[in-house]
Amino acid sequence: MKYSDHQRIRKIYEKASELYGYIVNHQIKKEDLLTETPLQWLVTTPLYNIGEHVYNLSGEYKEAHSEIQWAMIAGLRHRLIHDYDGTNWNIIVEVVFEELPVLIGQLEKIMQGEP
C-alpha cells in the first residue's frame, strides 16, 4: 500500500509514541536496554518501522521539514537491519531515551500545522 506523506508522518508518530510510552510506563532504564535481549528486540521493531516510513517520505516533504534528521533516522533502520550483529546499543539507548522524545515533539508540531 502506498501511503501519503501525511499518513507516513502519523504512522511514524504513532510508533514513536507507542515505543516511548512503553519505555516510560514500564520504567525501563538505560542499563536494562543495554543488557536485556528481549528489550532490545522490543525496541528494534518500532525503530525499523519508523525508519522505513521515513525512508519513503518524499524528498519535498523532508526538505520542507528539514529540522528533523531524516537521513539519520532512515540510516539507523538500515544499520539495524543489515548489520544487526554490529549494533552499538549505546547509540540505540541514546536514540530511545534522548532523541525519541524530541522527535515526538517535532512530529506533534508538524501535525498541528497540517490539515
PDB file of N, CA and C in Angstrom:
ATOM      1  N   MET A   1       0.838  -1.180   0.000  1.00  0.00           N
ATOM      2  CA  MET A   1       0.000   0.000   0.000  1.00  0.00           C
ATOM      3  C   MET A   1       0.885   1.246   0.000  1.00  0.00           C
ATOM      4  N   LYS A   2       0.578   2.182  -0.828  1.00  0.00           N
ATOM      5  CA  LYS A   2       1.309   3.445  -0.890  1.00  0.00           C
ATOM      6  C   LYS A   2       0.639   4.441   0.051  1.00  0.00           C
ATOM      7  N   TYR A   3       1.446   4.996   0.927  1.00  0.00           N
ATOM      8  CA  TYR A   3       0.948   5.978   1.879  1.00  0.00           C
ATOM      9  C   TYR A   3       1.340   7.376   1.432  1.00  0.00           C
ATOM     10  N   SER A   4       0.512   8.346   1.787  1.00  0.00           N
ATOM     11  CA  SER A   4       0.881   9.742   1.566  1.00  0.00           C
ATOM     12  C   SER A   4       1.891  10.149   2.636  1.00  0.00           C
ATOM     13  N   ASP A   5       2.555  11.265   2.421  1.00  0.00           N
ATOM     14  CA  ASP A   5       3.485  11.765   3.427  1.00  0.00           C
ATOM     15  C   ASP A   5       2.762  12.001   4.749  1.00  0.00           C
ATOM     16  N   HIS A   6       1.575  12.563   4.669  1.00  0.00           N
ATOM     17  CA  HIS A   6       0.788  12.830   5.882  1.00  0.00           C
ATOM     18  C   HIS A   6       0.503  11.525   6.641  1.00  0.00           C
ATOM     19  N   GLN A   7       0.123  10.484   5.918  1.00  0.00           N
ATOM     20  CA  GLN A   7      -0.143   9.189   6.556  1.00  0.00           C
ATOM     21  C   GLN A   7       1.140   8.614   7.161  1.00  0.00           C
ATOM     22  N   ARG A   8       2.238   8.759   6.469  1.00  0.00           N
ATOM     23  CA  ARG A   8       3.508   8.255   6.994  1.00  0.00           C
ATOM     24  C   ARG A   8       3.913   8.990   8.266  1.00  0.00           C
ATOM     25  N   ILE A   9       3.720  10.294   8.295  1.00  0.00           N
ATOM     26  CA  ILE A   9       4.049  11.060   9.499  1.00  0.00           C
ATOM     27  C   ILE A   9       3.204  10.583  10.669  1.00  0.00           C
ATOM     28  N   ARG A  10       1.933  10.329  10.443  1.00  0.00           N
ATOM     29  CA  ARG A  10       1.058   9.806  11.506  1.00  0.00           C
ATOM     30  C   ARG A  10       1.563   8.444  11.989  1.00  0.00           C
ATOM     31  N   LYS A  11       1.961   7.593  11.071  1.00  0.00           N
ATOM     32  CA  LYS A  11       2.457   6.267  11.447  1.00  0.00           C
ATOM     33  C   LYS A  11       3.777   6.371  12.218  1.00  0.00           C
ATOM     34  N   ILE A  12       4.665   7.250  11.774  1.00  0.00           N
ATOM     35  CA  ILE A  12       5.925   7.462  12.488  1.00  0.00           C
ATOM     36  C   ILE A  12       5.628   7.948  13.899  1.00  0.00           C
ATOM     37  N   TYR A  13       4.726   8.906  14.011  1.00  0.00           N
ATOM     38  CA  TYR A  13       4.359   9.457  15.314  1.00  0.00           C
ATOM     39  C   TYR A  13       3.765   8.369  16.219  1.00  0.00           C
ATOM     40  N   GLU A  14       2.867   7.571  15.673  1.00  0.00           N
ATOM     41  CA  GLU A  14       2.228   6.505  16.466  1.00  0.00           C
ATOM     42  C   GLU A  14       3.268   5.512  16.980  1.00  0.00           C
ATOM     43  N   LYS A  15       4.153   5.058  16.107  1.00  0.00           N
ATOM     44  CA  LYS A  15       5.164   4.076  16.521  1.00  0.00           C
ATOM     45  C   LYS A  15       6.132   4.678  17.538  1.00  0.00           C
ATOM     46  N   ALA A  16       6.561   5.904  17.306  1.00  0.00           N
ATOM     47  CA  ALA A  16       7.484   6.559  18.236  1.00  0.00           C
ATOM     48  C   ALA A  16       6.821   6.748  19.597  1.00  0.00           C
ATOM     49  N   SER A  17       5.576   7.187  19.594  1.00  0.00           N
ATOM     50  CA  SER A  17       4.845   7.415  20.849  1.00  0.00           C
ATOM     51  C   SER A  17       4.589   6.108  21.590  1.00  0.00           C
ATOM     52  N   GLU A  18       4.224   5.080  20.861  1.00  0.00           N
ATOM     53  CA  GLU A  18       3.987   3.767  21.485  1.00  0.00           C
ATOM     54  C   GLU A  18       5.268   3.239  22.118  1.00  0.00           C
ATOM     55  N   LEU A  19       6.368   3.325  21.393  1.00  0.00           N
ATOM     56  CA  LEU A  19       7.639   2.836  21.914  1.00  0.00           C
ATOM     57  C   LEU A  19       8.065   3.623  23.148  1.00  0.00           C
ATOM     58  N   TYR A  20       8.038   4.936  23.056  1.00  0.00           N
ATOM     59  CA  TYR A  20       8.470   5.740  24.195  1.00  0.00           C
ATOM     60  C   TYR A  20       7.514   5.561  25.379  1.00  0.00           C
ATOM     61  N   GLY A  21       6.223   5.468  25.099  1.00  0.00           N
ATOM     62  CA  GLY A  21       5.245   5.224  26.158  1.00  0.00           C
ATOM     63  C   GLY A  21       5.505   3.910  26.873  1.00  0.00           C
ATOM     64  N   TYR A  22       5.847   2.887  26.124  1.00  0.00           N
ATOM     65  CA  TYR A  22       6.153   1.588  26.729  1.00  0.00           C
ATOM     66  C   TYR A  22       7.377   1.693  27.635  1.00  0.00           C
ATOM     67  N   ILE A  23       8.395   2.368  27.153  1.00  0.00           N
ATOM     68  CA  ILE A  23       9.628   2.538  27.931  1.00  0.00           C
ATOM     69  C   ILE A  23       9.314   3.248  29.253  1.00  0.00           C
ATOM     70  N   VAL A  24       8.560   4.320  29.181  1.00  0.00           N
ATOM     71  CA  VAL A  24       8.224   5.099  30.376  1.00  0.00           C
ATOM     72  C   VAL A  24       7.302   4.315  31.303  1.00  0.00           C
ATOM     73  N   ASN A  25       6.235   3.764  30.754  1.00  0.00           N
ATOM     74  CA  ASN A  25       5.235   3.067  31.579  1.00  0.00           C
ATOM     75  C   ASN A  25       5.780   1.828  32.275  1.00  0.00           C
ATOM     76  N   HIS A  26       6.766   1.194  31.663  1.00  0.00           N
ATOM     77  CA  HIS A  26       7.367   0.001  32.261  1.00  0.00           C
ATOM     78  C   HIS A  26       8.663   0.316  33.001  1.00  0.00           C
ATOM     79  N   GLN A  27       8.944   1.597  33.127  1.00  0.00           N
ATOM     80  CA  GLN A  27      10.105   2.078  33.888  1.00  0.00           C
ATOM     81  C   GLN A  27      11.407   1.388  33.461  1.00  0.00           C
ATOM     82  N   ILE A  28      11.541   1.250  32.153  1.00  0.00           N
ATOM     83  CA  ILE A  28      12.750   0.638  31.607  1.00  0.00           C
ATOM     84  C   ILE A  28      13.879   1.664  31.698  1.00  0.00           C
ATOM     85  N   LYS A  29      14.993   1.218  32.159  1.00  0.00           N
ATOM     86  CA  LYS A  29      16.156   2.082  32.333  1.00  0.00           C
ATOM     87  C   LYS A  29      17.176   1.823  31.216  1.00  0.00           C
ATOM     88  N   LYS A  30      18.063   2.769  31.041  1.00  0.00           N
ATOM     89  CA  LYS A  30      19.097   2.637  30.007  1.00  0.00           C
ATOM     90  C   LYS A  30      19.878   1.339  30.175  1.00  0.00           C
ATOM     91  N   GLU A  31      20.239   1.028  31.413  1.00  0.00           N
ATOM     92  CA  GLU A  31      21.012  -0.189  31.688  1.00  0.00           C
ATOM     93  C   GLU A  31      20.249  -1.445  31.265  1.00  0.00           C
ATOM     94  N   ASP A  32      18.922  -1.424  31.440  1.00  0.00           N
ATOM     95  CA  ASP A  32      18.103  -2.567  31.039  1.00  0.00           C
ATOM     96  C   ASP A  32      18.206  -2.796  29.536  1.00  0.00           C
ATOM     97  N   LEU A  33      18.110  -1.711  28.786  1.00  0.00           N
ATOM     98  CA  LEU A  33      18.159  -1.830  27.331  1.00  0.00           C
ATOM     99  C   LEU A  33      19.546  -2.254  26.843  1.00  0.00           C
ATOM    100  N   LEU A  34      20.554  -1.891  27.564  1.00  0.00           N
ATOM    101  CA  LEU A  34      21.916  -2.289  27.190  1.00  0.00           C
ATOM    102  C   LEU A  34      22.167  -3.780  27.397  1.00  0.00           C
ATOM    103  N   THR A  35      21.443  -4.405  28.332  1.00  0.00           N
ATOM    104  CA  THR A  35      21.793  -5.769  28.734  1.00  0.00           C
ATOM    105  C   THR A  35      20.720  -6.822  28.470  1.00  0.00           C
ATOM    106  N   GLU A  36      19.493  -6.434  28.237  1.00  0.00           N
ATOM    107  CA  GLU A  36      18.408  -7.414  28.118  1.00  0.00           C
ATOM    108  C   GLU A  36      17.975  -7.592  26.667  1.00  0.00           C
ATOM    109  N   THR A  37      18.289  -8.748  26.127  1.00  0.00           N
ATOM    110  CA  THR A  37      17.988  -9.046  24.732  1.00  0.00           C
ATOM    111  C   THR A  37      16.507  -8.911  24.394  1.00  0.00           C
ATOM    112  N   PRO A  38      15.568  -9.406  25.224  1.00  0.00           N
ATOM    113  CA  PRO A  38      14.152  -9.222  24.867  1.00  0.00           C
ATOM    114  C   PRO A  38      13.758  -7.747  24.722  1.00  0.00           C
ATOM    115  N   LEU A  39      14.322  -6.883  25.536  1.00  0.00           N
ATOM    116  CA  LEU A  39      14.038  -5.453  25.404  1.00  0.00           C
ATOM    117  C   LEU A  39      14.657  -4.892  24.129  1.00  0.00           C
ATOM    118  N   GLN A  40      15.809  -5.394  23.752  1.00  0.00           N
ATOM    119  CA  GLN A  40      16.439  -4.960  22.513  1.00  0.00           C
ATOM    120  C   GLN A  40      15.564  -5.353  21.320  1.00  0.00           C
ATOM    121  N   TRP A  41      15.006  -6.538  21.361  1.00  0.00           N
ATOM    122  CA  TRP A  41      14.098  -6.964  20.295  1.00  0.00           C
ATOM    123  C   TRP A  41      12.856  -6.093  20.267  1.00  0.00           C
ATOM    124  N   LEU A  42      12.349  -5.766  21.447  1.00  0.00           N
ATOM    125  CA  LEU A  42      11.148  -4.946  21.557  1.00  0.00           C
ATOM    126  C   LEU A  42      11.368  -3.568  20.932  1.00  0.00           C
ATOM    127  N   VAL A  43      12.542  -3.020  21.090  1.00  0.00           N
ATOM    128  CA  VAL A  43      12.855  -1.680  20.608  1.00  0.00           C
ATOM    129  C   VAL A  43      13.135  -1.663  19.106  1.00  0.00           C
ATOM    130  N   THR A  44      13.770  -2.690  18.596  1.00  0.00           N
ATOM    131  CA  THR A  44      14.191  -2.640  17.201  1.00  0.00           C
ATOM    132  C   THR A  44      13.028  -2.671  16.220  1.00  0.00           C
ATOM    133  N   THR A  45      11.977  -3.407  16.513  1.00  0.00           N
ATOM    134  CA  THR A  45      10.867  -3.485  15.562  1.00  0.00           C
ATOM    135  C   THR A  45      10.239  -2.118  15.298  1.00  0.00           C
ATOM    136  N   PRO A  46       9.887  -1.343  16.328  1.00  0.00           N
ATOM    137  CA  PRO A  46       9.353   0.000  16.032  1.00  0.00           C
ATOM    138  C   PRO A  46      10.383   0.893  15.338  1.00  0.00           C
ATOM    139  N   LEU A  47      11.659   0.758  15.687  1.00  0.00           N
ATOM    140  CA  LEU A  47      12.676   1.571  15.025  1.00  0.00           C
ATOM    141  C   LEU A  47      12.791   1.213  13.543  1.00  0.00           C
ATOM    142  N   TYR A  48      12.671  -0.074  13.208  1.00  0.00           N
ATOM    143  CA  TYR A  48      12.643  -0.479  11.798  1.00  0.00           C
ATOM    144  C   TYR A  48      11.479   0.217  11.091  1.00  0.00           C
ATOM    145  N   ASN A  49      10.313   0.121  11.722  1.00  0.00           N
ATOM    146  CA  ASN A  49       9.095   0.659  11.119  1.00  0.00           C
ATOM    147  C   ASN A  49       9.207   2.162  10.908  1.00  0.00           C
ATOM    148  N   ILE A  50       9.677   2.870  11.916  1.00  0.00           N
ATOM    149  CA  ILE A  50       9.856   4.316  11.815  1.00  0.00           C
ATOM    150  C   ILE A  50      10.820   4.637  10.676  1.00  0.00           C
ATOM    151  N   GLY A  51      11.940   3.954  10.645  1.00  0.00           N
ATOM    152  CA  GLY A  51      12.941   4.197   9.613  1.00  0.00           C
ATOM    153  C   GLY A  51      12.440   3.921   8.215  1.00  0.00           C
ATOM    154  N   GLU A  52      11.640   2.881   8.063  1.00  0.00           N
ATOM    155  CA  GLU A  52      11.090   2.543   6.748  1.00  0.00           C
ATOM    156  C   GLU A  52      10.142   3.631   6.262  1.00  0.00           C
ATOM    157  N   HIS A  53       9.283   4.123   7.145  1.00  0.00           N
ATOM    158  CA  HIS A  53       8.373   5.202   6.748  1.00  0.00           C
ATOM    159  C   HIS A  53       9.138   6.484   6.437  1.00  0.00           C
ATOM    160  N   VAL A  54      10.157   6.780   7.219  1.00  0.00           N
ATOM    161  CA  VAL A  54      10.980   7.962   6.950  1.00  0.00           C
ATOM    162  C   VAL A  54      11.658   7.833   5.592  1.00  0.00           C
ATOM    163  N   TYR A  55      12.211   6.678   5.320  1.00  0.00           N
ATOM    164  CA  TYR A  55      12.898   6.437   4.052  1.00  0.00           C
ATOM    165  C   TYR A  55      11.978   6.703   2.861  1.00  0.00           C
ATOM    166  N   ASN A  56      10.702   6.399   3.031  1.00  0.00           N
ATOM    167  CA  ASN A  56       9.745   6.531   1.935  1.00  0.00           C
ATOM    168  C   ASN A  56       9.009   7.866   1.881  1.00  0.00           C
ATOM    169  N   LEU A  57       9.324   8.792   2.789  1.00  0.00           N
ATOM    170  CA  LEU A  57       8.770  10.138   2.664  1.00  0.00           C
ATOM    171  C   LEU A  57       9.334  10.794   1.406  1.00  0.00           C
ATOM    172  N   SER A  58       8.559  11.664   0.808  1.00  0.00           N
ATOM    173  CA  SER A  58       9.042  12.346  -0.390  1.00  0.00           C
ATOM    174  C   SER A  58      10.185  13.300  -0.029  1.00  0.00           C
ATOM    175  N   GLY A  59      11.049  13.518  -0.987  1.00  0.00           N
ATOM    176  CA  GLY A  59      12.147  14.454  -0.795  1.00  0.00           C
ATOM    177  C   GLY A  59      11.644  15.858  -0.491  1.00  0.00           C
ATOM    178  N   GLU A  60      10.548  16.231  -1.124  1.00  0.00           N
ATOM    179  CA  GLU A  60       9.978  17.552  -0.906  1.00  0.00           C
ATOM    180  C   GLU A  60       9.508  17.710   0.544  1.00  0.00           C
ATOM    181  N   TYR A  61       8.902  16.668   1.071  1.00  0.00           N
ATOM    182  CA  TYR A  61       8.409  16.728   2.449  1.00  0.00           C
ATOM    183  C   TYR A  61       9.585  16.846   3.418  1.00  0.00           C
ATOM    184  N   LYS A  62      10.617  16.053   3.182  1.00  0.00           N
ATOM    185  CA  LYS A  62      11.796  16.103   4.044  1.00  0.00           C
ATOM    186  C   LYS A  62      12.452  17.482   3.991  1.00  0.00           C
ATOM    187  N   GLU A  63      12.514  18.062   2.798  1.00  0.00           N
ATOM    188  CA  GLU A  63      13.084  19.411   2.669  1.00  0.00           C
ATOM    189  C   GLU A  63      12.243  20.439   3.402  1.00  0.00           C
ATOM    190  N   ALA A  64      10.932  20.306   3.317  1.00  0.00           N
ATOM    191  CA  ALA A  64      10.034  21.261   3.967  1.00  0.00           C
ATOM    192  C   ALA A  64      10.125  21.185   5.488  1.00  0.00           C
ATOM    193  N   HIS A  65      10.586  20.053   6.002  1.00  0.00           N
ATOM    194  CA  HIS A  65      10.704  19.846   7.449  1.00  0.00           C
ATOM    195  C   HIS A  65      12.129  19.413   7.780  1.00  0.00           C
ATOM    196  N   SER A  66      13.066  20.226   7.343  1.00  0.00           N
ATOM    197  CA  SER A  66      14.481  19.873   7.466  1.00  0.00           C
ATOM    198  C   SER A  66      15.004  19.951   8.903  1.00  0.00           C
ATOM    199  N   GLU A  67      14.173  20.393   9.833  1.00  0.00           N
ATOM    200  CA  GLU A  67      14.589  20.419  11.242  1.00  0.00           C
ATOM    201  C   GLU A  67      14.723  19.004  11.813  1.00  0.00           C
ATOM    202  N   ILE A  68      14.156  18.042  11.132  1.00  0.00           N
ATOM    203  CA  ILE A  68      14.243  16.644  11.565  1.00  0.00           C
ATOM    204  C   ILE A  68      15.358  15.961  10.780  1.00  0.00           C
ATOM    205  N   GLN A  69      16.125  15.149  11.468  1.00  0.00           N
ATOM    206  CA  GLN A  69      17.274  14.465  10.866  1.00  0.00           C
ATOM    207  C   GLN A  69      16.804  13.185  10.153  1.00  0.00           C
ATOM    208  N   TRP A  70      16.112  13.359   9.050  1.00  0.00           N
ATOM    209  CA  TRP A  70      15.507  12.243   8.324  1.00  0.00           C
ATOM    210  C   TRP A  70      16.544  11.207   7.909  1.00  0.00           C
ATOM    211  N   ALA A  71      17.664  11.641   7.374  1.00  0.00           N
ATOM    212  CA  ALA A  71      18.679  10.693   6.879  1.00  0.00           C
ATOM    213  C   ALA A  71      19.228   9.832   8.010  1.00  0.00           C
ATOM    214  N   MET A  72      19.396  10.416   9.176  1.00  0.00           N
ATOM    215  CA  MET A  72      19.904   9.645  10.312  1.00  0.00           C
ATOM    216  C   MET A  72      18.883   8.596  10.763  1.00  0.00           C
ATOM    217  N   ILE A  73      17.611   8.953  10.724  1.00  0.00           N
ATOM    218  CA  ILE A  73      16.565   8.012  11.135  1.00  0.00           C
ATOM    219  C   ILE A  73      16.493   6.844  10.161  1.00  0.00           C
ATOM    220  N   ALA A  74      16.476   7.144   8.881  1.00  0.00           N
ATOM    221  CA  ALA A  74      16.449   6.075   7.875  1.00  0.00           C
ATOM    222  C   ALA A  74      17.732   5.257   7.929  1.00  0.00           C
ATOM    223  N   GLY A  75      18.855   5.920   8.152  1.00  0.00           N
ATOM    224  CA  GLY A  75      20.137   5.222   8.239  1.00  0.00           C
ATOM    225  C   GLY A  75      20.195   4.267   9.418  1.00  0.00           C
ATOM    226  N   LEU A  76      19.592   4.664  10.518  1.00  0.00           N
ATOM    227  CA  LEU A  76      19.544   3.782  11.688  1.00  0.00           C
ATOM    228  C   LEU A  76      18.803   2.498  11.340  1.00  0.00           C
ATOM    229  N   ARG A  77      17.710   2.623  10.651  1.00  0.00           N
ATOM    230  CA  ARG A  77      16.940   1.436  10.236  1.00  0.00           C
ATOM    231  C   ARG A  77      17.799   0.527   9.377  1.00  0.00           C
ATOM    232  N   HIS A  78      18.517   1.100   8.424  1.00  0.00           N
ATOM    233  CA  HIS A  78      19.369   0.294   7.547  1.00  0.00           C
ATOM    234  C   HIS A  78      20.465  -0.407   8.337  1.00  0.00           C
ATOM    235  N   ARG A  79      21.061   0.295   9.287  1.00  0.00           N
ATOM    236  CA  ARG A  79      22.113  -0.309  10.113  1.00  0.00           C
ATOM    237  C   ARG A  79      21.556  -1.448  10.954  1.00  0.00           C
ATOM    238  N   LEU A  80      20.384  -1.238  11.543  1.00  0.00           N
ATOM    239  CA  LEU A  80      19.792  -2.284  12.384  1.00  0.00           C
ATOM    240  C   LEU A  80      19.474  -3.534  11.571  1.00  0.00           C
ATOM    241  N   ILE A  81      18.989  -3.341  10.380  1.00  0.00           N
ATOM    242  CA  ILE A  81      18.580  -4.488   9.568  1.00  0.00           C
ATOM    243  C   ILE A  81      19.774  -5.193   8.927  1.00  0.00           C
ATOM    244  N   HIS A  82      20.703  -4.420   8.406  1.00  0.00           N
ATOM    245  CA  HIS A  82      21.784  -5.019   7.631  1.00  0.00           C
ATOM    246  C   HIS A  82      23.052  -5.319   8.434  1.00  0.00           C
ATOM    247  N   ASP A  83      23.133  -4.793   9.650  1.00  0.00           N
ATOM    248  CA  ASP A  83      24.316  -5.039  10.477  1.00  0.00           C
ATOM    249  C   ASP A  83      23.893  -5.277  11.922  1.00  0.00           C
ATOM    250  N   TYR A  84      22.874  -6.127  12.090  1.00  0.00           N
ATOM    251  CA  TYR A  84      22.301  -6.326  13.413  1.00  0.00           C
ATOM    252  C   TYR A  84      23.351  -6.756  14.439  1.00  0.00           C
ATOM    253  N   ASP A  85      24.226  -7.669  14.057  1.00  0.00           N
ATOM    254  CA  ASP A  85      25.253  -8.141  14.990  1.00  0.00           C
ATOM    255  C   ASP A  85      26.232  -7.044  15.379  1.00  0.00           C
ATOM    256  N   GLY A  86      26.321  -6.012  14.554  1.00  0.00           N
ATOM    257  CA  GLY A  86      27.228  -4.914  14.848  1.00  0.00           C
ATOM    258  C   GLY A  86      26.551  -3.734  15.540  1.00  0.00           C
ATOM    259  N   THR A  87      25.329  -3.939  16.014  1.00  0.00           N
ATOM    260  CA  THR A  87      24.583  -2.848  16.644  1.00  0.00           C
ATOM    261  C   THR A  87      25.309  -2.323  17.869  1.00  0.00           C
ATOM    262  N   ASN A  88      25.476  -1.021  17.906  1.00  0.00           N
ATOM    263  CA  ASN A  88      26.050  -0.360  19.068  1.00  0.00           C
ATOM    264  C   ASN A  88      24.886   0.055  19.957  1.00  0.00           C
ATOM    265  N   TRP A  89      24.665  -0.708  21.009  1.00  0.00           N
ATOM    266  CA  TRP A  89      23.495  -0.473  21.857  1.00  0.00           C
ATOM    267  C   TRP A  89      23.585   0.821  22.642  1.00  0.00           C
ATOM    268  N   ASN A  90      24.777   1.363  22.809  1.00  0.00           N
ATOM    269  CA  ASN A  90      24.901   2.676  23.431  1.00  0.00           C
ATOM    270  C   ASN A  90      24.223   3.746  22.567  1.00  0.00           C
ATOM    271  N   ILE A  91      24.365   3.613  21.255  1.00  0.00           N
ATOM    272  CA  ILE A  91      23.714   4.556  20.340  1.00  0.00           C
ATOM    273  C   ILE A  91      22.203   4.372  20.384  1.00  0.00           C
ATOM    274  N   ILE A  92      21.742   3.125  20.389  1.00  0.00           N
ATOM    275  CA  ILE A  92      20.299   2.863  20.423  1.00  0.00           C
ATOM    276  C   ILE A  92      19.696   3.413  21.713  1.00  0.00           C
ATOM    277  N   VAL A  93      20.398   3.239  22.819  1.00  0.00           N
ATOM    278  CA  VAL A  93      19.921   3.777  24.097  1.00  0.00           C
ATOM    279  C   VAL A  93      19.786   5.296  24.004  1.00  0.00           C
ATOM    280  N   GLU A  94      20.768   5.943  23.418  1.00  0.00           N
ATOM    281  CA  GLU A  94      20.721   7.403  23.232  1.00  0.00           C
ATOM    282  C   GLU A  94      19.515   7.790  22.377  1.00  0.00           C
ATOM    283  N   VAL A  95      19.303   7.053  21.300  1.00  0.00           N
ATOM    284  CA  VAL A  95      18.178   7.334  20.414  1.00  0.00           C
ATOM    285  C   VAL A  95      16.864   7.195  21.169  1.00  0.00           C
ATOM    286  N   VAL A  96      16.691   6.097  21.877  1.00  0.00           N
ATOM    287  CA  VAL A  96      15.411   5.815  22.546  1.00  0.00           C
ATOM    288  C   VAL A  96      15.147   6.785  23.690  1.00  0.00           C
ATOM    289  N   PHE A  97      16.148   7.041  24.499  1.00  0.00           N
ATOM    290  CA  PHE A  97      15.918   7.842  25.705  1.00  0.00           C
ATOM    291  C   PHE A  97      16.075   9.342  25.484  1.00  0.00           C
ATOM    292  N   GLU A  98      16.877   9.747  24.508  1.00  0.00           N
ATOM    293  CA  GLU A  98      17.140  11.180  24.314  1.00  0.00           C
ATOM    294  C   GLU A  98      16.511  11.730  23.035  1.00  0.00           C
ATOM    295  N   GLU A  99      16.659  11.020  21.941  1.00  0.00           N
ATOM    296  CA  GLU A  99      16.214  11.539  20.649  1.00  0.00           C
ATOM    297  C   GLU A  99      14.732  11.290  20.364  1.00  0.00           C
ATOM    298  N   LEU A 100      14.215  10.159  20.816  1.00  0.00           N
ATOM    299  CA  LEU A 100      12.822   9.824  20.529  1.00  0.00           C
ATOM    300  C   LEU A 100      11.841  10.854  21.081  1.00  0.00           C
ATOM    301  N   PRO A 101      11.994  11.306  22.337  1.00  0.00           N
ATOM    302  CA  PRO A 101      11.070  12.331  22.827  1.00  0.00           C
ATOM    303  C   PRO A 101      11.145  13.629  22.017  1.00  0.00           C
ATOM    304  N   VAL A 102      12.332  13.976  21.542  1.00  0.00           N
ATOM    305  CA  VAL A 102      12.489  15.177  20.711  1.00  0.00           C
ATOM    306  C   VAL A 102      11.745  14.989  19.394  1.00  0.00           C
ATOM    307  N   LEU A 103      11.926  13.826  18.770  1.00  0.00           N
ATOM    308  CA  LEU A 103      11.237  13.530  17.510  1.00  0.00           C
ATOM    309  C   LEU A 103       9.723  13.598  17.690  1.00  0.00           C
ATOM    310  N   ILE A 104       9.225  13.037  18.763  1.00  0.00           N
ATOM    311  CA  ILE A 104       7.782  13.060  19.021  1.00  0.00           C
ATOM    312  C   ILE A 104       7.291  14.505  19.077  1.00  0.00           C
ATOM    313  N   GLY A 105       8.004  15.357  19.787  1.00  0.00           N
ATOM    314  CA  GLY A 105       7.634  16.769  19.870  1.00  0.00           C
ATOM    315  C   GLY A 105       7.667  17.456  18.510  1.00  0.00           C
ATOM    316  N   GLN A 106       8.684  17.159  17.712  1.00  0.00           N
ATOM    317  CA  GLN A 106       8.782  17.747  16.375  1.00  0.00           C
ATOM    318  C   GLN A 106       7.614  17.293  15.499  1.00  0.00           C
ATOM    319  N   LEU A 107       7.275  16.019  15.578  1.00  0.00           N
ATOM    320  CA  LEU A 107       6.164  15.496  14.776  1.00  0.00           C
ATOM    321  C   LEU A 107       4.838  16.102  15.212  1.00  0.00           C
ATOM    322  N   GLU A 108       4.667  16.314  16.506  1.00  0.00           N
ATOM    323  CA  GLU A 108       3.434  16.950  17.000  1.00  0.00           C
ATOM    324  C   GLU A 108       3.287  18.337  16.405  1.00  0.00           C
ATOM    325  N   LYS A 109       4.368  19.108  16.355  1.00  0.00           N
ATOM    326  CA  LYS A 109       4.322  20.447  15.768  1.00  0.00           C
ATOM    327  C   LYS A 109       3.964  20.384  14.286  1.00  0.00           C
ATOM    328  N   ILE A 110       4.567  19.443  13.587  1.00  0.00           N
ATOM    329  CA  ILE A 110       4.274  19.294  12.155  1.00  0.00           C
ATOM    330  C   ILE A 110       2.805  18.958  11.967  1.00  0.00           C
ATOM    331  N   MET A 111       2.302  18.006  12.725  1.00  0.00           N
ATOM    332  CA  MET A 111       0.923  17.560  12.542  1.00  0.00           C
ATOM    333  C   MET A 111      -0.084  18.660  12.914  1.00  0.00           C
ATOM    334  N   GLN A 112       0.265  19.516  13.851  1.00  0.00           N
ATOM    335  CA  GLN A 112      -0.627  20.622  14.223  1.00  0.00           C
ATOM    336  C   GLN A 112      -0.802  21.586  13.063  1.00  0.00           C
ATOM    337  N   GLY A 113       0.212  21.704  12.225  1.00  0.00           N
ATOM    338  CA  GLY A 113       0.158  22.622  11.112  1.00  0.00           C
ATOM    339  C   GLY A 113      -0.434  22.035   9.844  1.00  0.00           C
ATOM    340  N   GLU A 114      -0.762  20.752   9.864  1.00  0.00           N
ATOM    341  CA  GLU A 114      -1.303  20.091   8.680  1.00  0.00           C
ATOM    342  C   GLU A 114      -2.817  19.923   8.824  1.00  0.00           C
ATOM    343  N   PRO A 115      -3.499  19.945   7.697  1.00  0.00           N
ATOM    344  CA  PRO A 115      -4.968  19.762   7.746  1.00  0.00           C
ATOM    345  C   PRO A 115      -5.360  18.353   8.125  1.00  0.00           C
TER     346      PRO A 115
END
